[in-house]
C-alpha cells in the first residue's frame, strides 16, 4: 500500500503536492480552531474535555508534520527553480557564443 502511494506521488508535480498539503494544513488548522472554541465555550464533562484535548494534541502533531513536509517540498521546489534558471543561463550563453559570434565572422 505504501509503495502505491509513493508511485502515485512520483507522478504529481512538486507544486501540486505543495498545494495539496497546504489545503490539508488549512483544514487541520480549522478543525483545531473549532475544537479550541468548543473547549472554551461549551460546558464539557471531564472525560469529554480530556477527549477533546487528546484530539487537539493529535491535530497539533498533524499540523507540525504537514509543516515539516511543506518545508521539505518548498526546498525541493527551490532547488528545481535554481536548476531551471541555471539551464536557461547556460543555454543563453551557448546561444550567444555560437550564433551571435557566428554572425560576426
Protein backbone atom coordinates (compact mmCIF):
# COMPACT_ATOMS: atom_id res chain seq x y z
CA UNK A 1 0.00 0.00 0.00
CA UNK A 2 2.82 2.39 0.86
CA UNK A 3 4.52 1.70 -2.47
CA UNK A 4 1.34 2.53 -4.34
CA UNK A 5 1.13 5.91 -2.60
CA UNK A 6 4.79 6.61 -3.35
CA UNK A 7 4.34 5.74 -7.02
CA UNK A 8 1.24 7.92 -7.21
CA UNK A 9 3.11 10.83 -5.58
CA UNK A 10 6.01 10.48 -8.02
CA UNK A 11 3.64 11.35 -10.86
CA UNK A 12 2.49 14.54 -9.11
CA UNK A 13 4.47 17.75 -9.52
CA UNK A 14 6.10 19.35 -6.51
CA UNK A 15 3.86 22.41 -6.84
CA UNK A 16 0.71 20.24 -6.87
CA UNK A 17 1.92 18.36 -3.81
CA UNK A 18 2.60 21.66 -2.02
CA UNK A 19 -0.92 22.86 -2.84
CA UNK A 20 -2.43 19.60 -1.61
CA UNK A 21 -0.51 19.72 1.67
CA UNK A 22 -1.37 23.38 2.21
CA UNK A 23 -5.07 22.56 1.80
CA UNK A 24 -4.74 19.72 4.30
CA UNK A 25 -2.96 22.03 6.72
CA UNK A 26 -5.70 24.66 6.44
CA UNK A 27 -8.35 22.01 7.13
CA UNK A 28 -6.44 20.72 10.16
CA UNK A 29 -5.94 24.26 11.44
CA UNK A 30 -9.68 24.98 11.05
CA UNK A 31 -10.57 21.79 12.93
CA UNK A 32 -8.13 22.72 15.66
CA UNK A 33 -9.62 26.20 16.00
CA UNK A 34 -13.13 24.73 16.19
CA UNK A 35 -12.04 22.32 18.90
CA UNK A 36 -10.37 25.14 20.87
CA UNK A 37 -13.52 27.26 20.56
CA UNK A 38 -15.64 24.33 21.69
CA UNK A 39 -13.41 23.72 24.71
CA UNK A 40 -13.75 27.35 25.78
CA UNK A 41 -17.47 27.86 25.16
CA UNK A 42 -19.16 24.57 25.95
CA UNK A 43 -19.53 23.01 29.34
CA UNK A 44 -17.94 19.62 28.99
CA UNK A 45 -17.54 16.74 31.38
CA UNK A 46 -14.02 15.85 32.46
CA UNK A 47 -13.96 12.87 30.07
CA UNK A 48 -15.22 14.98 27.14
CA UNK A 49 -12.66 17.67 27.94
CA UNK A 50 -9.86 15.09 28.07
CA UNK A 51 -11.01 13.53 24.77
CA UNK A 52 -11.10 16.99 23.18
CA UNK A 53 -7.61 17.80 24.47
CA UNK A 54 -6.32 14.48 23.09
CA UNK A 55 -7.90 15.30 19.73
CA UNK A 56 -6.32 18.76 19.80
CA UNK A 57 -2.93 17.22 20.56
CA UNK A 58 -3.26 14.88 17.59
CA UNK A 59 -4.28 17.77 15.33
CA UNK A 60 -1.31 19.85 16.53
CA UNK A 61 1.04 16.97 15.74
CA UNK A 62 -0.54 16.59 12.30
CA UNK A 63 -0.12 20.33 11.60
CA UNK A 64 3.53 20.15 12.66
CA UNK A 65 4.10 17.11 10.43
CA UNK A 66 2.49 18.91 7.48
CA UNK A 67 4.67 21.97 8.16
CA UNK A 68 7.80 19.80 8.00
CA UNK A 69 6.67 18.17 4.75
CA UNK A 70 5.86 21.58 3.27
CA UNK A 71 9.27 22.90 4.25
CA UNK A 72 10.94 19.92 2.58
CA UNK A 73 8.86 20.28 -0.61
CA UNK A 74 9.47 24.03 -0.78
CA UNK A 75 13.21 23.34 -0.54
CA UNK A 76 12.92 20.83 -3.37
CA UNK A 77 10.89 23.33 -5.40
CA UNK A 78 13.56 25.99 -4.78
CA UNK A 79 16.30 23.61 -6.00
CA UNK A 80 14.27 22.79 -9.12
CA UNK A 81 13.82 26.50 -9.83
CA UNK A 82 17.54 27.17 -9.43
CA UNK A 83 18.33 24.28 -11.76
CA UNK A 84 15.93 25.68 -14.35
CA UNK A 85 17.47 29.15 -14.11
CA UNK A 86 20.97 27.67 -14.41
CA UNK A 87 19.97 25.71 -17.52
CA UNK A 88 18.42 28.84 -19.02
CA UNK A 89 21.60 30.83 -18.33
CA UNK A 90 23.79 28.11 -19.89
CA UNK A 91 21.50 27.93 -22.93
CA UNK A 92 21.64 31.72 -23.33
CA UNK A 93 25.43 31.64 -23.03
CA UNK A 94 25.77 28.96 -25.72
CA UNK A 95 23.29 30.78 -27.97
CA UNK A 96 25.27 33.98 -27.62
CA UNK A 97 28.58 32.16 -28.08
CA UNK A 98 27.67 30.16 -31.18
CA UNK A 99 25.07 32.17 -33.03
CA UNK A 100 25.91 35.77 -32.20
CA UNK A 101 29.63 35.28 -32.78
CA UNK A 102 28.95 33.29 -35.99
CA UNK A 103 27.23 36.36 -37.46
CA UNK A 104 30.38 38.49 -36.89
CA UNK A 105 32.65 36.10 -38.81
